[in-house]
Amino acid sequence: MSAQAVRRTLVFAFALSFGAAFAVQQVQAQAAKEPKTVVLKGSPMGGVKFEHTLHTKDRNIKCDTCHHASKPEKAKTSDYQKCTDCHTKVATAPMKTKTQAAFHDPMAKKGVCVDCHLAENAKGKKAPTSKCADCHKKEHV
C-alpha cells in the first residue's frame, strides 16, 4: 500500500471517528434535555404523572409518535396524544346485564369513564372512582 493510500485511510478513519463521537455527543445532549417525568395538566381530576423515559427509552417510542411538533424543542408545548390513543385496553368490571355491558364497554374504550362514574356517584349510586387516584394526583395540579 502506498504512503498516499495509507494517509487517505487514516484521514478517513479519523473523520469517521470524529463524526461518530459528535453523533454520540448530540444524542447524549438531547437525552439530557429530555424530562424523566412529566405532569400532564388539564384534567378536572388533577394532573397525571406521565413517565416520559419509560416510553422513550425503555419502550423506544420515537418523539413524533406522540408529539406533533416539527421541532423537538417545541414538543413540550405541542399537542400530544391522549393515553387512550395507544392504551386501548380498559379495565372493565363485570356488568349485571348485557345492556349495561353493551353501553359501558364502548364508552370505556373511548376513555370517557369519569363522565358517567361521577354522574352516577352524584345520584347516590356506586360507580367506582377510586382507581382514578392511581394516576390523577392532587399534588400534580
N, C-alpha and C. Protein backbone atom coordinates (compact mmCIF):
# COMPACT_ATOMS: atom_id res chain seq x y z
N MET A 1 0.85 -1.17 0.00
CA MET A 1 0.00 0.00 0.00
C MET A 1 0.90 1.24 0.00
N SER A 2 0.57 2.19 -0.82
CA SER A 2 1.39 3.39 -0.94
C SER A 2 1.18 4.30 0.26
N ALA A 3 2.09 5.22 0.45
CA ALA A 3 2.01 6.18 1.55
C ALA A 3 0.76 7.04 1.41
N GLN A 4 0.41 7.38 0.17
CA GLN A 4 -0.77 8.21 -0.07
C GLN A 4 -2.05 7.45 0.31
N ALA A 5 -2.09 6.15 0.00
CA ALA A 5 -3.26 5.34 0.34
C ALA A 5 -3.40 5.20 1.86
N VAL A 6 -2.26 5.03 2.53
CA VAL A 6 -2.27 4.93 4.00
C VAL A 6 -2.77 6.24 4.59
N ARG A 7 -2.29 7.35 4.04
CA ARG A 7 -2.69 8.67 4.52
C ARG A 7 -4.20 8.87 4.34
N ARG A 8 -4.73 8.50 3.18
CA ARG A 8 -6.17 8.63 2.92
C ARG A 8 -6.98 7.77 3.89
N THR A 9 -6.49 6.56 4.13
CA THR A 9 -7.18 5.65 5.05
C THR A 9 -7.21 6.24 6.45
N LEU A 10 -6.08 6.79 6.89
CA LEU A 10 -6.02 7.39 8.23
C LEU A 10 -6.93 8.62 8.33
N VAL A 11 -6.94 9.46 7.30
CA VAL A 11 -7.81 10.63 7.30
C VAL A 11 -9.27 10.20 7.34
N PHE A 12 -9.62 9.19 6.55
CA PHE A 12 -10.99 8.68 6.53
C PHE A 12 -11.37 8.11 7.90
N ALA A 13 -10.47 7.34 8.50
CA ALA A 13 -10.74 6.74 9.81
C ALA A 13 -10.91 7.83 10.87
N PHE A 14 -10.07 8.87 10.80
CA PHE A 14 -10.18 9.98 11.75
C PHE A 14 -11.52 10.70 11.58
N ALA A 15 -11.88 10.98 10.33
CA ALA A 15 -13.14 11.68 10.06
C ALA A 15 -14.33 10.84 10.53
N LEU A 16 -14.28 9.55 10.28
CA LEU A 16 -15.36 8.66 10.71
C LEU A 16 -15.46 8.63 12.23
N SER A 17 -14.33 8.54 12.92
CA SER A 17 -14.32 8.53 14.38
C SER A 17 -14.85 9.85 14.94
N PHE A 18 -14.42 10.96 14.34
CA PHE A 18 -14.88 12.27 14.79
C PHE A 18 -16.39 12.40 14.59
N GLY A 19 -16.88 11.96 13.46
CA GLY A 19 -18.32 12.02 13.18
C GLY A 19 -19.12 11.18 14.16
N ALA A 20 -18.62 9.99 14.46
CA ALA A 20 -19.31 9.11 15.41
C ALA A 20 -19.33 9.73 16.80
N ALA A 21 -18.20 10.30 17.22
CA ALA A 21 -18.13 10.94 18.54
C ALA A 21 -19.09 12.12 18.62
N PHE A 22 -19.18 12.90 17.55
CA PHE A 22 -20.09 14.04 17.51
C PHE A 22 -21.54 13.57 17.60
N ALA A 23 -21.87 12.51 16.88
CA ALA A 23 -23.24 11.98 16.89
C ALA A 23 -23.61 11.49 18.29
N VAL A 24 -22.71 10.80 18.95
CA VAL A 24 -22.96 10.30 20.31
C VAL A 24 -23.17 11.48 21.26
N GLN A 25 -22.35 12.51 21.11
CA GLN A 25 -22.47 13.69 21.96
C GLN A 25 -23.83 14.36 21.76
N GLN A 26 -24.30 14.44 20.53
CA GLN A 26 -25.60 15.05 20.25
C GLN A 26 -26.74 14.25 20.86
N VAL A 27 -26.66 12.94 20.76
CA VAL A 27 -27.69 12.08 21.34
C VAL A 27 -27.71 12.24 22.86
N GLN A 28 -26.52 12.29 23.47
CA GLN A 28 -26.45 12.46 24.92
C GLN A 28 -26.98 13.83 25.34
N ALA A 29 -26.68 14.86 24.56
CA ALA A 29 -27.17 16.20 24.87
C ALA A 29 -28.69 16.25 24.79
N GLN A 30 -29.26 15.60 23.79
CA GLN A 30 -30.72 15.57 23.65
C GLN A 30 -31.34 14.80 24.81
N ALA A 31 -30.71 13.68 25.19
CA ALA A 31 -31.22 12.87 26.29
C ALA A 31 -31.19 13.65 27.60
N ALA A 32 -30.17 14.49 27.78
CA ALA A 32 -30.07 15.28 29.00
C ALA A 32 -31.21 16.29 29.09
N LYS A 33 -31.71 16.77 27.96
CA LYS A 33 -32.81 17.73 27.93
C LYS A 33 -34.16 17.06 28.16
N GLU A 34 -34.23 15.79 27.88
CA GLU A 34 -35.50 15.07 27.95
C GLU A 34 -35.91 14.85 29.40
N PRO A 35 -37.13 15.22 29.76
CA PRO A 35 -37.56 15.04 31.14
C PRO A 35 -37.82 13.57 31.46
N LYS A 36 -37.55 13.19 32.71
CA LYS A 36 -37.82 11.82 33.13
C LYS A 36 -39.32 11.64 33.36
N THR A 37 -39.91 12.60 34.03
CA THR A 37 -41.33 12.55 34.35
C THR A 37 -41.97 13.88 33.95
N VAL A 38 -43.16 13.81 33.42
CA VAL A 38 -43.91 15.00 33.00
C VAL A 38 -45.27 14.94 33.68
N VAL A 39 -45.78 16.07 34.10
CA VAL A 39 -47.13 16.13 34.66
C VAL A 39 -48.04 16.73 33.60
N LEU A 40 -48.99 15.94 33.14
CA LEU A 40 -49.96 16.39 32.14
C LEU A 40 -51.13 17.02 32.88
N LYS A 41 -51.33 18.30 32.66
CA LYS A 41 -52.40 19.02 33.36
C LYS A 41 -53.59 19.22 32.44
N GLY A 42 -54.67 19.67 32.99
CA GLY A 42 -55.85 19.97 32.19
C GLY A 42 -57.06 19.14 32.58
N SER A 43 -56.85 18.06 33.31
CA SER A 43 -57.97 17.24 33.74
C SER A 43 -58.58 17.84 35.00
N PRO A 44 -59.90 17.87 35.10
CA PRO A 44 -60.52 18.37 36.33
C PRO A 44 -60.23 17.47 37.53
N MET A 45 -59.75 16.26 37.26
CA MET A 45 -59.43 15.32 38.34
C MET A 45 -58.01 15.50 38.86
N GLY A 46 -57.26 16.44 38.30
CA GLY A 46 -55.88 16.65 38.72
C GLY A 46 -54.92 16.20 37.64
N GLY A 47 -53.67 16.63 37.77
CA GLY A 47 -52.66 16.28 36.79
C GLY A 47 -52.32 14.80 36.82
N VAL A 48 -51.83 14.32 35.69
CA VAL A 48 -51.43 12.92 35.58
C VAL A 48 -49.92 12.85 35.44
N LYS A 49 -49.28 12.07 36.30
CA LYS A 49 -47.84 11.88 36.23
C LYS A 49 -47.55 10.91 35.09
N PHE A 50 -46.82 11.38 34.09
CA PHE A 50 -46.51 10.60 32.90
C PHE A 50 -45.03 10.26 32.90
N GLU A 51 -44.71 8.98 32.89
CA GLU A 51 -43.32 8.53 32.90
C GLU A 51 -42.76 8.62 31.48
N HIS A 52 -42.14 9.75 31.17
CA HIS A 52 -41.66 10.04 29.81
C HIS A 52 -40.55 9.07 29.39
N THR A 53 -39.55 8.87 30.25
CA THR A 53 -38.43 8.00 29.86
C THR A 53 -38.85 6.53 29.75
N LEU A 54 -39.90 6.13 30.44
CA LEU A 54 -40.41 4.77 30.28
C LEU A 54 -40.83 4.56 28.83
N HIS A 55 -41.44 5.56 28.25
CA HIS A 55 -41.90 5.45 26.86
C HIS A 55 -40.76 5.63 25.87
N THR A 56 -39.92 6.65 26.08
CA THR A 56 -38.88 6.96 25.09
C THR A 56 -37.67 6.04 25.16
N LYS A 57 -37.23 5.74 26.35
CA LYS A 57 -36.01 4.92 26.50
C LYS A 57 -36.35 3.43 26.60
N ASP A 58 -37.17 3.08 27.59
CA ASP A 58 -37.46 1.67 27.84
C ASP A 58 -38.28 1.03 26.72
N ARG A 59 -39.23 1.78 26.18
CA ARG A 59 -40.10 1.24 25.13
C ARG A 59 -39.66 1.67 23.73
N ASN A 60 -38.65 2.55 23.67
CA ASN A 60 -38.06 3.00 22.40
C ASN A 60 -39.10 3.61 21.45
N ILE A 61 -39.99 4.43 22.00
CA ILE A 61 -41.00 5.11 21.19
C ILE A 61 -40.44 6.45 20.75
N LYS A 62 -40.53 6.74 19.47
CA LYS A 62 -39.98 7.98 18.92
C LYS A 62 -40.86 9.17 19.29
N CYS A 63 -40.24 10.34 19.38
CA CYS A 63 -40.94 11.57 19.79
C CYS A 63 -42.18 11.85 18.95
N ASP A 64 -42.03 11.73 17.62
CA ASP A 64 -43.15 12.11 16.75
C ASP A 64 -44.31 11.12 16.78
N THR A 65 -44.15 10.03 17.52
CA THR A 65 -45.28 9.11 17.70
C THR A 65 -46.37 9.79 18.53
N CYS A 66 -45.96 10.56 19.53
CA CYS A 66 -46.92 11.23 20.41
C CYS A 66 -47.01 12.73 20.18
N HIS A 67 -45.86 13.35 19.90
CA HIS A 67 -45.81 14.80 19.73
C HIS A 67 -46.01 15.16 18.27
N HIS A 68 -46.71 16.25 18.06
CA HIS A 68 -46.97 16.70 16.69
C HIS A 68 -46.29 18.04 16.45
N ALA A 69 -45.03 18.12 16.85
CA ALA A 69 -44.25 19.34 16.66
C ALA A 69 -43.19 19.08 15.60
N SER A 70 -42.93 20.08 14.78
CA SER A 70 -41.93 19.91 13.73
C SER A 70 -40.52 19.98 14.29
N LYS A 71 -40.35 20.63 15.44
CA LYS A 71 -39.03 20.76 16.05
C LYS A 71 -39.08 20.19 17.47
N PRO A 72 -38.05 19.42 17.86
CA PRO A 72 -38.06 18.80 19.20
C PRO A 72 -38.21 19.80 20.34
N GLU A 73 -37.62 21.00 20.20
CA GLU A 73 -37.71 21.97 21.29
C GLU A 73 -39.13 22.49 21.50
N LYS A 74 -40.01 22.31 20.52
CA LYS A 74 -41.41 22.73 20.64
C LYS A 74 -42.28 21.60 21.20
N ALA A 75 -41.73 20.41 21.34
CA ALA A 75 -42.53 19.25 21.76
C ALA A 75 -43.20 19.46 23.11
N LYS A 76 -42.51 20.14 24.02
CA LYS A 76 -43.08 20.31 25.36
C LYS A 76 -44.33 21.19 25.36
N THR A 77 -44.49 22.01 24.33
CA THR A 77 -45.66 22.87 24.29
C THR A 77 -46.65 22.45 23.21
N SER A 78 -46.31 21.40 22.48
CA SER A 78 -47.19 20.99 21.39
C SER A 78 -48.31 20.09 21.90
N ASP A 79 -49.27 19.88 21.04
CA ASP A 79 -50.33 18.93 21.36
C ASP A 79 -49.72 17.54 21.42
N TYR A 80 -50.25 16.72 22.27
CA TYR A 80 -49.80 15.33 22.35
C TYR A 80 -51.03 14.45 22.38
N GLN A 81 -50.82 13.18 22.08
CA GLN A 81 -51.94 12.25 22.03
C GLN A 81 -52.44 11.92 23.42
N LYS A 82 -53.70 11.50 23.48
CA LYS A 82 -54.26 11.03 24.74
C LYS A 82 -53.70 9.63 25.03
N CYS A 83 -53.63 9.27 26.28
CA CYS A 83 -53.16 7.93 26.67
C CYS A 83 -53.96 6.84 25.96
N THR A 84 -55.27 7.07 25.84
CA THR A 84 -56.14 6.06 25.26
C THR A 84 -55.97 5.91 23.75
N ASP A 85 -55.21 6.80 23.12
CA ASP A 85 -54.93 6.61 21.69
C ASP A 85 -54.08 5.36 21.47
N CYS A 86 -53.21 5.06 22.43
CA CYS A 86 -52.37 3.84 22.33
C CYS A 86 -52.83 2.76 23.31
N HIS A 87 -53.16 3.19 24.52
CA HIS A 87 -53.57 2.24 25.55
C HIS A 87 -55.07 2.02 25.44
N THR A 88 -55.46 1.09 24.59
CA THR A 88 -56.88 0.89 24.32
C THR A 88 -57.54 -0.12 25.24
N LYS A 89 -56.75 -0.92 25.93
CA LYS A 89 -57.33 -1.91 26.83
C LYS A 89 -57.72 -1.20 28.12
N VAL A 90 -58.97 -1.25 28.45
CA VAL A 90 -59.50 -0.57 29.62
C VAL A 90 -60.04 -1.62 30.58
N ALA A 91 -59.77 -1.41 31.85
CA ALA A 91 -60.29 -2.35 32.85
C ALA A 91 -61.81 -2.24 32.87
N THR A 92 -62.46 -3.36 32.74
CA THR A 92 -63.93 -3.35 32.77
C THR A 92 -64.40 -4.27 33.88
N ALA A 93 -65.38 -3.78 34.61
CA ALA A 93 -65.95 -4.57 35.69
C ALA A 93 -67.06 -5.43 35.11
N PRO A 94 -67.36 -6.56 35.75
CA PRO A 94 -68.47 -7.37 35.26
C PRO A 94 -69.78 -6.58 35.38
N MET A 95 -70.55 -6.58 34.33
CA MET A 95 -71.82 -5.85 34.31
C MET A 95 -72.95 -6.80 34.71
N LYS A 96 -73.99 -6.23 35.30
CA LYS A 96 -75.12 -7.04 35.73
C LYS A 96 -75.93 -7.55 34.55
N THR A 97 -76.03 -6.73 33.51
CA THR A 97 -76.83 -7.14 32.36
C THR A 97 -76.04 -6.94 31.07
N LYS A 98 -76.50 -7.59 30.01
CA LYS A 98 -75.85 -7.41 28.70
C LYS A 98 -76.04 -5.98 28.20
N THR A 99 -77.15 -5.36 28.56
CA THR A 99 -77.41 -3.98 28.14
C THR A 99 -76.39 -3.04 28.76
N GLN A 100 -76.11 -3.24 30.05
CA GLN A 100 -75.09 -2.42 30.71
C GLN A 100 -73.73 -2.59 30.03
N ALA A 101 -73.37 -3.83 29.76
CA ALA A 101 -72.07 -4.10 29.14
C ALA A 101 -72.00 -3.49 27.74
N ALA A 102 -73.09 -3.55 26.99
CA ALA A 102 -73.11 -3.02 25.63
C ALA A 102 -72.87 -1.51 25.63
N PHE A 103 -73.34 -0.81 26.65
CA PHE A 103 -73.13 0.62 26.74
C PHE A 103 -71.77 0.94 27.36
N HIS A 104 -71.43 0.23 28.42
CA HIS A 104 -70.23 0.54 29.19
C HIS A 104 -68.94 0.34 28.40
N ASP A 105 -68.78 -0.80 27.76
CA ASP A 105 -67.50 -1.12 27.11
C ASP A 105 -67.09 -0.12 26.03
N PRO A 106 -67.98 0.27 25.10
CA PRO A 106 -67.56 1.27 24.10
C PRO A 106 -67.20 2.62 24.72
N MET A 107 -67.93 3.03 25.76
CA MET A 107 -67.62 4.31 26.40
C MET A 107 -66.27 4.23 27.11
N ALA A 108 -66.02 3.12 27.78
CA ALA A 108 -64.75 2.95 28.49
C ALA A 108 -63.59 2.95 27.51
N LYS A 109 -63.77 2.33 26.36
CA LYS A 109 -62.70 2.29 25.36
C LYS A 109 -62.40 3.67 24.78
N LYS A 110 -63.37 4.57 24.84
CA LYS A 110 -63.14 5.95 24.38
C LYS A 110 -62.46 6.78 25.46
N GLY A 111 -62.34 6.24 26.66
CA GLY A 111 -61.68 6.95 27.74
C GLY A 111 -62.55 8.00 28.41
N VAL A 112 -63.85 7.84 28.35
CA VAL A 112 -64.75 8.82 28.96
C VAL A 112 -65.38 8.26 30.24
N CYS A 113 -64.63 7.49 30.96
CA CYS A 113 -65.11 6.83 32.18
C CYS A 113 -65.68 7.82 33.19
N VAL A 114 -64.92 8.87 33.45
CA VAL A 114 -65.26 9.77 34.54
C VAL A 114 -66.60 10.47 34.33
N ASP A 115 -66.99 10.73 33.10
CA ASP A 115 -68.27 11.42 32.85
C ASP A 115 -69.43 10.67 33.51
N CYS A 116 -69.51 9.38 33.26
CA CYS A 116 -70.62 8.60 33.81
C CYS A 116 -70.40 8.25 35.28
N HIS A 117 -69.18 7.88 35.64
CA HIS A 117 -68.92 7.45 37.01
C HIS A 117 -69.21 8.57 38.02
N LEU A 118 -68.79 9.79 37.73
CA LEU A 118 -69.07 10.88 38.66
C LEU A 118 -70.55 11.22 38.69
N ALA A 119 -71.21 11.17 37.55
CA ALA A 119 -72.65 11.45 37.50
C ALA A 119 -73.42 10.41 38.31
N GLU A 120 -73.04 9.16 38.20
CA GLU A 120 -73.71 8.09 38.96
C GLU A 120 -73.48 8.27 40.46
N ASN A 121 -72.25 8.62 40.84
CA ASN A 121 -71.96 8.83 42.26
C ASN A 121 -72.74 10.01 42.81
N ALA A 122 -72.94 11.06 42.00
CA ALA A 122 -73.72 12.22 42.44
C ALA A 122 -75.17 11.85 42.69
N LYS A 123 -75.66 10.83 41.99
CA LYS A 123 -77.05 10.36 42.18
C LYS A 123 -77.15 9.40 43.37
N GLY A 124 -76.02 9.14 44.03
CA GLY A 124 -76.03 8.23 45.15
C GLY A 124 -75.79 6.78 44.76
N LYS A 125 -75.56 6.53 43.49
CA LYS A 125 -75.27 5.17 43.04
C LYS A 125 -73.77 4.94 43.12
N LYS A 126 -73.39 3.69 43.28
CA LYS A 126 -71.97 3.39 43.43
C LYS A 126 -71.35 3.06 42.07
N ALA A 127 -70.51 3.96 41.59
CA ALA A 127 -69.71 3.72 40.39
C ALA A 127 -68.26 3.97 40.80
N PRO A 128 -67.43 2.95 40.81
CA PRO A 128 -66.08 3.10 41.38
C PRO A 128 -65.26 4.19 40.69
N THR A 129 -64.67 5.05 41.52
CA THR A 129 -63.76 6.08 41.02
C THR A 129 -62.43 6.03 41.76
N SER A 130 -62.26 5.05 42.63
CA SER A 130 -61.04 5.02 43.44
C SER A 130 -59.78 4.81 42.61
N LYS A 131 -59.87 4.14 41.50
CA LYS A 131 -58.68 3.90 40.68
C LYS A 131 -58.19 5.17 39.99
N CYS A 132 -59.03 6.18 39.88
CA CYS A 132 -58.62 7.44 39.24
C CYS A 132 -57.39 8.01 39.94
N ALA A 133 -57.39 7.90 41.27
CA ALA A 133 -56.30 8.47 42.06
C ALA A 133 -54.97 7.77 41.84
N ASP A 134 -54.98 6.61 41.20
CA ASP A 134 -53.71 5.95 40.89
C ASP A 134 -52.87 6.81 39.96
N CYS A 135 -53.51 7.55 39.07
CA CYS A 135 -52.78 8.42 38.13
C CYS A 135 -53.00 9.90 38.42
N HIS A 136 -54.24 10.28 38.72
CA HIS A 136 -54.58 11.68 38.94
C HIS A 136 -54.30 12.03 40.40
N LYS A 137 -53.26 12.80 40.64
CA LYS A 137 -52.88 13.17 42.00
C LYS A 137 -53.14 14.65 42.21
N LYS A 138 -53.69 14.98 43.36
CA LYS A 138 -53.97 16.39 43.69
C LYS A 138 -52.68 17.21 43.66
N GLU A 139 -51.56 16.63 44.10
CA GLU A 139 -50.31 17.39 44.14
C GLU A 139 -49.77 17.70 42.75
N HIS A 140 -50.31 17.07 41.72
CA HIS A 140 -49.85 17.33 40.36
C HIS A 140 -50.63 18.45 39.68
N VAL A 141 -51.63 19.00 40.37
CA VAL A 141 -52.47 20.02 39.74
C VAL A 141 -51.69 21.30 39.57
